[in-house]
Amino acid sequence: MFIIDLMYFIFKIIMFILIIYGVQYGWDLMKDTYTKPKTKDLVNSQLKKYKDLLGEIQHPNDQTVYNKVPETLFESDEDKKQMNDDLLSFMNDQIQLYKV
């Protein structure tokens, strides 16, 4: 009786392994048959990126607009003096707030 039960148990294990293998094989077959493999073109994509970068370097005005800082920040010396006075008063106020 023990040998029959052992044979039945081994038979079940073999059947489950075969079922799992069959399902896995079927899944791989369906996947390979009905899907398009993804391929990445490494050479041409890198060449395109290089050409785009080279084009941006050679013709910066065509594609990029730079925010240029004006060469003169102040129109006159009076504006510069007023800015310095405002900054100095702000710093003095801040120092007075944190002085103990």
Protein backbone atom coordinates (compact mmCIF):
# COMPACT_ATOMS: atom_id res chain seq x y z
CA MET A 1 0.00 0.00 0.00
CA PHE A 2 2.83 2.35 0.85
CA ILE A 3 4.51 1.83 -2.53
CA ILE A 4 1.29 2.60 -4.42
CA ASP A 5 0.82 5.84 -2.46
CA LEU A 6 4.45 6.79 -3.09
CA MET A 7 4.09 6.08 -6.83
CA TYR A 8 0.87 8.10 -6.94
CA PHE A 9 2.61 11.02 -5.18
CA ILE A 10 5.58 10.93 -7.60
CA PHE A 11 3.17 10.71 -10.54
CA LYS A 12 1.36 13.86 -9.31
CA ILE A 13 4.65 15.75 -8.97
CA ILE A 14 5.69 14.76 -12.50
CA MET A 15 2.28 15.77 -13.88
CA PHE A 16 2.43 19.19 -12.18
CA ILE A 17 5.94 19.77 -13.54
CA LEU A 18 4.76 18.85 -17.04
CA ILE A 19 1.74 21.15 -16.74
CA ILE A 20 3.92 24.06 -15.58
CA TYR A 21 6.42 23.40 -18.40
CA GLY A 22 3.62 23.20 -20.98
CA VAL A 23 2.07 26.49 -19.85
CA GLN A 24 5.47 28.20 -19.84
CA TYR A 25 6.29 26.87 -23.32
CA GLY A 26 2.87 27.98 -24.60
CA TRP A 27 3.35 31.45 -23.12
CA ASP A 28 6.78 31.82 -24.73
CA LEU A 29 5.43 30.60 -28.06
CA MET A 30 2.53 33.09 -27.96
CA LYS A 31 4.85 35.91 -26.91
CA ASP A 32 7.37 35.21 -29.67
CA THR A 33 4.70 34.69 -32.32
CA TYR A 34 2.36 37.62 -31.66
CA THR A 35 4.64 40.38 -30.41
CA LYS A 36 7.17 42.49 -32.24
CA PRO A 37 10.60 42.41 -30.58
CA LYS A 38 11.89 45.75 -29.39
CA THR A 39 15.16 46.69 -31.01
CA LYS A 40 17.05 49.84 -30.21
CA ASP A 41 19.24 51.32 -32.90
CA LEU A 42 22.21 52.41 -30.83
CA VAL A 43 24.41 53.62 -33.67
CA ASN A 44 21.98 55.81 -35.61
CA SER A 45 20.31 57.25 -32.50
CA GLN A 46 23.67 58.38 -31.12
CA LEU A 47 24.66 59.85 -34.49
CA LYS A 48 21.38 61.80 -34.62
CA LYS A 49 21.94 63.16 -31.10
CA TYR A 50 25.49 64.15 -32.06
CA LYS A 51 24.32 65.93 -35.21
CA ASP A 52 21.61 67.79 -33.25
CA LEU A 53 24.15 68.88 -30.65
CA LEU A 54 26.61 69.95 -33.32
CA GLY A 55 23.86 71.93 -35.06
CA GLU A 56 22.98 73.73 -31.82
CA ILE A 57 26.61 74.65 -31.29
CA GLN A 58 27.13 75.91 -34.83
CA HIS A 59 23.83 77.84 -35.07
CA PRO A 60 22.89 78.99 -31.56
CA ASN A 61 20.66 81.87 -32.73
CA ASP A 62 18.37 79.62 -34.76
CA GLN A 63 17.17 77.38 -31.95
CA THR A 64 17.96 79.01 -28.62
CA VAL A 65 17.10 82.43 -27.30
CA TYR A 66 19.46 83.53 -24.55
CA ASN A 67 18.43 86.03 -21.92
CA LYS A 68 21.35 88.41 -21.99
CA VAL A 69 22.10 90.65 -19.06
CA PRO A 70 22.45 94.24 -20.18
CA GLU A 71 25.98 95.56 -20.04
CA THR A 72 24.98 98.58 -18.00
CA LEU A 73 22.85 97.75 -15.00
CA PHE A 74 22.37 101.34 -13.95
CA GLU A 75 21.51 104.22 -16.21
CA SER A 76 23.31 106.77 -14.09
CA ASP A 77 25.52 107.09 -11.04
CA GLU A 78 22.54 108.41 -9.09
CA ASP A 79 20.69 105.09 -9.61
CA LYS A 80 23.75 103.20 -8.44
CA LYS A 81 24.04 105.38 -5.33
CA GLN A 82 20.36 104.97 -4.55
CA MET A 83 20.66 101.16 -4.86
CA ASN A 84 23.65 101.14 -2.52
CA ASP A 85 21.80 103.30 0.02
CA ASP A 86 18.75 101.03 -0.10
CA LEU A 87 20.92 97.96 0.38
CA LEU A 88 22.79 99.55 3.25
CA SER A 89 19.58 100.56 5.03
CA PHE A 90 18.15 97.06 4.57
CA MET A 91 21.27 95.47 6.02
CA ASN A 92 21.25 97.85 8.98
CA ASP A 93 17.59 97.06 9.66
CA GLN A 94 18.33 93.35 9.59
CA ILE A 95 21.25 93.75 11.94
CA GLN A 96 19.11 95.76 14.38
CA LEU A 97 16.43 93.03 14.38
CA TYR A 98 18.84 90.28 15.37
CA LYS A 99 20.95 92.29 17.81
CA VAL A 100 20.35 91.41 21.39
